[in-house]
Protein backbone atom coordinates (compact mmCIF):
# COMPACT_ATOMS: atom_id res chain seq x y z
CA MET A 1 0.00 0.00 0.00
CA ASP A 2 1.20 3.49 -0.85
CA PRO A 3 2.21 5.24 2.43
CA GLU A 4 0.35 8.40 1.40
CA VAL A 5 -3.04 6.71 1.58
CA SER A 6 -4.91 4.11 3.64
CA LEU A 7 -8.30 2.49 3.11
CA LEU A 8 -10.70 2.92 6.00
CA LEU A 9 -13.68 1.10 4.49
CA LEU A 10 -14.51 -0.92 1.37
CA CYS A 11 -18.15 -1.13 0.31
CA PRO A 12 -19.61 -4.41 -1.00
CA PRO A 13 -18.75 -5.31 -4.62
CA GLY A 14 -20.22 -2.83 -7.07
CA GLY A 15 -20.59 -0.07 -4.48
CA LEU A 16 -23.58 1.28 -2.54
CA PRO A 17 -26.36 3.55 -3.87
CA GLN A 18 -27.71 6.46 -1.85
CA GLU A 19 -30.60 4.51 -0.34
CA GLN A 20 -28.18 2.01 1.22
CA VAL A 21 -26.32 4.66 3.22
CA GLY A 22 -27.42 6.16 6.53
CA VAL A 23 -26.03 9.00 8.66
CA GLU A 24 -26.00 9.56 12.41
CA LEU A 25 -25.12 13.22 13.05
CA SER A 26 -24.33 14.08 16.66
CA PRO A 27 -22.20 16.46 18.75
CA ALA A 28 -20.69 13.28 20.22
CA HIS A 29 -18.95 12.82 16.86
CA ASP A 30 -17.28 16.26 16.85
CA ARG A 31 -13.56 16.49 17.52
CA ARG A 32 -12.39 16.82 21.11
CA PRO A 33 -11.08 20.20 22.33
CA LEU A 34 -7.30 20.29 22.16
CA PRO A 35 -5.28 19.65 25.32
CA GLY A 36 -4.87 23.11 26.85
CA GLY A 37 -7.64 24.60 24.72
CA ASP A 38 -8.07 25.65 21.09
CA LYS A 39 -6.01 28.85 21.24
CA THR A 40 -3.43 27.39 18.86
CA ILE A 41 -6.11 26.84 16.20
CA ALA A 42 -7.11 30.49 16.35
CA ALA A 43 -3.46 31.58 16.17
CA ILE A 44 -2.76 29.39 13.11
CA TRP A 45 -5.85 30.76 11.37
CA GLU A 46 -4.92 34.38 12.01
CA LYS A 47 -1.40 33.79 10.73
CA ARG A 48 -2.72 32.17 7.55
CA LEU A 49 -5.09 35.09 6.95
CA GLN A 50 -2.17 37.50 7.03
CA THR A 51 -0.57 35.80 4.02
CA GLN A 52 -3.76 34.50 2.36
CA PRO A 53 -6.49 37.04 3.12
CA TRP A 54 -8.87 35.44 0.61
CA LEU A 55 -9.31 32.35 2.81
CA PHE A 56 -12.71 31.96 4.43
CA ASP A 57 -13.94 29.62 7.11
CA ALA A 58 -16.87 27.31 6.39
CA PRO A 59 -18.59 24.47 8.25
CA LYS A 60 -17.81 20.91 7.13
CA PHE A 61 -18.97 17.44 8.06
CA ARG A 62 -16.55 15.49 10.24
CA LEU A 63 -16.20 11.74 9.84
CA HIS A 64 -16.05 10.01 13.20
CA SER A 65 -16.51 6.40 12.09
CA ALA A 66 -18.26 4.16 9.56
CA THR A 67 -19.80 0.72 10.00
CA LEU A 68 -21.10 -1.79 7.47
CA ALA A 69 -24.26 -3.58 8.64
CA PRO A 70 -24.10 -7.39 8.75
CA SER A 71 -27.54 -7.75 7.14
CA SER A 72 -29.34 -6.23 4.15
CA ALA A 73 -32.25 -4.90 6.26
CA GLY A 74 -32.13 -1.09 6.13
CA PRO A 75 -29.02 0.89 5.19
CA GLN A 76 -25.93 -1.25 4.71
CA LEU A 77 -23.55 1.53 5.76
CA LEU A 78 -23.85 3.88 8.73
CA LEU A 79 -21.70 7.01 8.75
CA ARG A 80 -21.27 8.70 12.12
CA LEU A 81 -20.68 12.38 11.46
CA GLY A 82 -20.09 15.51 13.48
CA LEU A 83 -19.50 19.11 12.45
CA THR A 84 -16.17 20.86 12.03
CA SER A 85 -14.75 23.72 9.93
CA TYR A 86 -12.04 24.63 7.47
CA ARG A 87 -10.35 26.74 10.15
CA ASP A 88 -10.15 23.73 12.47
CA PHE A 89 -8.77 21.62 9.61
CA LEU A 90 -5.87 24.02 9.10
CA GLY A 91 -5.28 24.18 12.85
CA THR A 92 -5.22 20.40 13.40
CA ASN A 93 -4.76 18.13 10.36
CA TRP A 94 -2.47 20.64 8.66
CA SER A 95 -0.66 21.89 11.73
CA THR A 96 2.95 21.01 12.50
CA SER A 97 1.69 19.27 15.65
CA ALA A 98 -0.68 16.92 13.76
CA SER A 99 1.46 13.85 14.44
CA TRP A 100 1.60 14.66 18.16
CA LEU A 101 -2.17 15.25 18.22
CA ARG A 102 -2.72 11.78 16.77
CA GLN A 103 -0.45 10.22 19.37
CA GLN A 104 -2.14 12.14 22.18
CA GLY A 105 -5.63 11.27 20.91
CA ALA A 106 -4.73 7.58 21.07
CA VAL A 107 -3.49 7.99 24.64
CA ASP A 108 -6.34 10.20 25.92
CA TRP A 109 -9.32 8.77 24.06
CA GLY A 110 -8.22 5.54 22.41
CA ASP A 111 -8.73 7.30 19.07
CA LYS A 112 -5.80 8.85 17.20
CA GLN A 113 -8.20 11.12 15.27
CA ALA A 114 -9.98 12.45 18.38
CA TYR A 115 -8.35 15.90 18.30
CA LEU A 116 -8.40 16.32 14.50
CA ALA A 117 -10.99 18.19 12.45
CA ASP A 118 -11.08 15.47 9.76
CA PRO A 119 -13.50 17.20 7.36
CA LEU A 120 -15.05 14.60 5.08
CA GLY A 121 -14.23 15.04 1.40
CA VAL A 122 -15.79 13.47 -1.69
CA GLY A 123 -14.16 12.28 -4.90
CA ALA A 124 -15.30 10.61 -8.11
CA VAL A 125 -13.87 7.84 -10.25
CA LEU A 126 -15.46 9.25 -13.40
CA VAL A 127 -15.59 7.01 -16.48
CA THR A 128 -16.53 8.08 -20.02
CA ALA A 129 -18.74 6.19 -22.48
CA ASP A 130 -15.61 4.98 -24.28
CA ASP A 131 -14.14 3.67 -21.01
CA PHE A 132 -11.59 6.34 -20.11
CA HIS A 133 -11.07 7.57 -16.55
CA ILE A 134 -11.04 11.33 -16.09
CA PHE A 135 -8.36 13.14 -14.10
CA LEU A 136 -7.55 16.82 -13.66
CA ARG A 137 -4.17 18.51 -13.32
CA ARG A 138 -4.53 20.75 -10.27
CA SER A 139 -3.62 24.40 -10.58
CA LEU A 140 -0.46 25.68 -8.91
CA GLN A 141 -2.67 28.23 -7.13
CA VAL A 142 -4.75 25.77 -5.07
CA ALA A 143 -3.87 25.20 -1.41
CA GLU A 144 -3.75 21.41 -1.46
CA ALA A 145 -1.63 19.29 -3.81
CA PRO A 146 -0.80 22.06 -6.31
CA GLY A 147 0.31 20.77 -9.70
CA LEU A 148 -0.59 17.16 -8.95
CA VAL A 149 -3.20 15.02 -10.71
CA ASP A 150 -6.54 14.41 -9.00
CA VAL A 151 -10.02 13.04 -9.54
CA PRO A 152 -12.92 15.53 -9.51
CA GLY A 153 -14.00 16.17 -5.93
CA GLY A 154 -14.50 18.51 -3.01
CA HIS A 155 -16.70 18.53 0.10
CA PRO A 156 -20.34 18.06 1.04
CA GLU A 157 -21.50 21.35 2.54
CA PRO A 158 -23.58 21.58 5.75
CA GLN A 159 -24.40 25.15 4.74
CA ALA A 160 -26.27 23.84 1.68
CA LEU A 161 -28.84 22.32 4.06
CA CYS A 162 -29.19 25.48 6.18
CA PRO A 163 -29.20 28.48 3.82
CA GLY A 164 -29.16 31.76 5.69
CA HIS A 165 -28.00 30.53 9.09
CA SER A 166 -25.22 28.58 10.77
CA PRO A 167 -25.73 24.79 10.61
CA GLN A 168 -26.55 23.09 13.90
CA HIS A 169 -26.60 19.35 14.55
CA LYS A 170 -30.31 19.37 15.41
CA ASP A 171 -31.20 20.98 12.08
CA LEU A 172 -29.46 18.40 9.89
CA ARG A 173 -31.56 15.28 9.44
CA GLY A 174 -29.66 12.15 8.48
CA GLU A 175 -31.44 11.58 5.18
CA LEU A 176 -30.72 15.16 4.08
CA VAL A 177 -27.04 14.75 4.91
CA VAL A 178 -26.89 11.55 2.84
CA ARG A 179 -28.54 13.37 -0.06
CA GLU A 180 -25.98 16.20 0.20
CA LEU A 181 -23.13 13.67 0.33
CA PHE A 182 -24.20 12.02 -2.93
CA SER A 183 -25.32 15.20 -4.72
CA SER A 184 -22.14 17.08 -3.79
CA VAL A 185 -19.92 14.72 -5.76
CA LEU A 186 -22.09 15.27 -8.86
CA GLN A 187 -21.97 19.02 -8.31
CA GLU A 188 -18.19 18.94 -8.06
CA ILE A 189 -18.01 17.08 -11.39
CA CYS A 190 -20.30 19.64 -13.01
CA ASP A 191 -18.30 22.56 -11.62
CA GLU A 192 -14.79 21.20 -12.22
CA VAL A 193 -15.23 19.33 -15.52
CA ASN A 194 -18.12 21.47 -16.80
CA LEU A 195 -20.33 18.49 -17.61
CA PRO A 196 -24.16 18.65 -17.79
CA LEU A 197 -25.75 16.91 -14.82
CA LEU A 198 -27.96 14.80 -17.09
CA THR A 199 -24.87 13.11 -18.57
CA LEU A 200 -23.93 11.64 -15.18
CA SER A 201 -25.17 8.44 -13.56
CA GLN A 202 -26.25 8.21 -9.95
CA PRO A 203 -23.10 7.80 -7.80
CA LEU A 204 -22.18 4.50 -6.20
CA LEU A 205 -20.13 4.75 -2.99
CA LEU A 206 -16.95 2.67 -3.28
CA GLY A 207 -15.64 3.29 0.23
CA ILE A 208 -13.60 5.68 2.32
CA ALA A 209 -9.90 6.45 1.87
CA CYS A 210 -7.66 8.44 4.22
CA ASN A 211 -5.01 10.94 3.17
CA GLU A 212 -2.03 10.21 5.41
CA THR A 213 -0.24 13.39 4.26
CA SER A 214 -2.94 15.38 6.07
CA ALA A 215 -3.06 13.27 9.23
CA GLY A 216 -5.59 10.70 8.03
CA ARG A 217 -8.25 13.02 6.66
CA ALA A 218 -11.03 10.90 5.10
CA SER A 219 -12.70 11.11 1.71
CA ALA A 220 -15.74 9.20 0.44
CA GLU A 221 -14.96 7.96 -3.05
CA PHE A 222 -17.67 7.29 -5.64
CA TYR A 223 -18.04 5.64 -9.03
CA VAL A 224 -19.84 7.77 -11.63
CA GLN A 225 -20.43 6.98 -15.29
CA CYS A 226 -20.67 9.67 -17.94
CA SER A 227 -22.72 9.15 -21.12
CA LEU A 228 -20.28 11.28 -23.16
CA THR A 229 -17.15 10.11 -24.97
CA SER A 230 -13.73 11.32 -23.90
CA GLU A 231 -13.61 13.74 -26.84
CA GLU A 232 -17.01 15.21 -25.92
CA VAL A 233 -15.90 15.56 -22.30
CA ARG A 234 -12.72 17.31 -23.41
CA ASN A 235 -14.74 19.84 -25.41
CA TYR A 236 -16.99 20.63 -22.44
CA TYR A 237 -13.97 21.00 -20.16
CA LEU A 238 -12.16 23.35 -22.54
CA SER A 239 -15.19 25.63 -22.74
CA GLY A 240 -14.74 26.42 -19.05
CA GLY A 241 -16.82 25.99 -15.92
CA PRO A 242 -17.49 27.54 -12.49
CA GLU A 243 -14.31 26.03 -11.01
CA ALA A 244 -12.14 25.97 -14.14
CA HIS A 245 -9.47 27.97 -12.28
CA GLU A 246 -8.78 24.99 -9.99
CA SER A 247 -7.20 22.90 -12.77
CA THR A 248 -4.95 23.46 -15.78
CA GLY A 249 -5.72 20.38 -17.87
CA ILE A 250 -7.78 17.23 -18.29
CA ILE A 251 -6.27 13.75 -18.60
CA PHE A 252 -7.86 10.53 -19.87
CA VAL A 253 -6.48 7.18 -18.73
CA GLU A 254 -7.50 3.66 -19.74
CA THR A 255 -8.63 1.34 -16.96
CA GLN A 256 -5.88 -1.23 -17.36
CA VAL A 257 -3.10 1.28 -16.62
CA LEU A 258 -4.69 3.05 -13.66
CA GLU A 259 -2.17 1.88 -11.05
CA THR A 260 0.90 2.20 -13.25
CA GLU A 261 0.63 5.27 -15.47
CA MET A 262 1.51 8.55 -13.70
CA TRP A 263 1.01 7.04 -10.22
CA SER A 264 3.78 9.22 -8.80
CA GLU A 265 1.95 12.34 -10.05
CA LEU A 266 -1.32 11.51 -8.30
CA CYS A 267 -2.32 13.27 -5.11
CA PRO A 268 -3.34 10.99 -2.21
CA SER A 269 -7.09 11.44 -2.76
CA ALA A 270 -6.77 10.19 -6.34
CA LYS A 271 -4.67 7.22 -5.22
CA GLY A 272 -7.33 6.31 -2.66
CA ALA A 273 -10.08 6.55 -5.27
CA ILE A 274 -8.23 4.26 -7.69
CA LEU A 275 -7.40 1.70 -5.02
CA LEU A 276 -11.05 1.55 -3.96
CA TYR A 277 -12.25 1.34 -7.56
CA ASN A 278 -9.98 -1.61 -8.31
CA ARG A 279 -11.15 -3.48 -5.23
CA VAL A 280 -14.87 -2.66 -5.29
CA GLN A 281 -15.92 -1.80 -8.83
CA GLY A 282 -13.15 -2.93 -11.14
CA SER A 283 -10.89 -5.93 -11.39
CA PRO A 284 -8.15 -6.19 -8.73
CA THR A 285 -4.67 -5.56 -10.07
């Protein structure tokens, strides 16, 4: 296994549709306050704002744990989520003390992620009608993995379920969170690759991968089919989209060379998506 990525959960063969996933959202699944308080998080945020004043804080879902049900009655996968923020992510997962926080979390709570924000990301293994996988070359201007190759992706947004006010646990029903989780990956594809929503299949959840270069931050990876050919996708991409500035090029890769071609250029989230695809949706390599 590549040291930059680990696999937290593999869904059953073929992946799980939206109706087979449930969410339990609770304050009990939020991160623990840091030993000595959260002053260091505030200090890190203020320092970042001095050099990157365009940054803005936003609420995110936090993955606490995930469990596959032993039977087919009801949802087969339960995601236990809390709430966190981008500010807390920079102050924990991305801080220079992240490794120590993981060690201390294991000692204090029996959970090495206890003190980390761990905002849940989403990513898509996106396949064209002529069986090419779609990757994007990330811009040098983005904060994470600049210049590397990634799958389309981003984050589900708690704010999308609470327009006009700050999201609270009690306001976010589990079925709405699941819907946002699955719809957000389609929205990211539309925004980043500039594809019409009607050309995309309903996502199938492949599993959850963790980025070990950001202290084990988790991402839910999905399989999505596109009804367009690679050439049609390229034309849509080149005409620009809402998030065109986040990438500098589109790359098409055949399935059989996914784990060999340009592996060293992939960011951890893309590696996790490919590893899950090969084990859950594709043929193991």
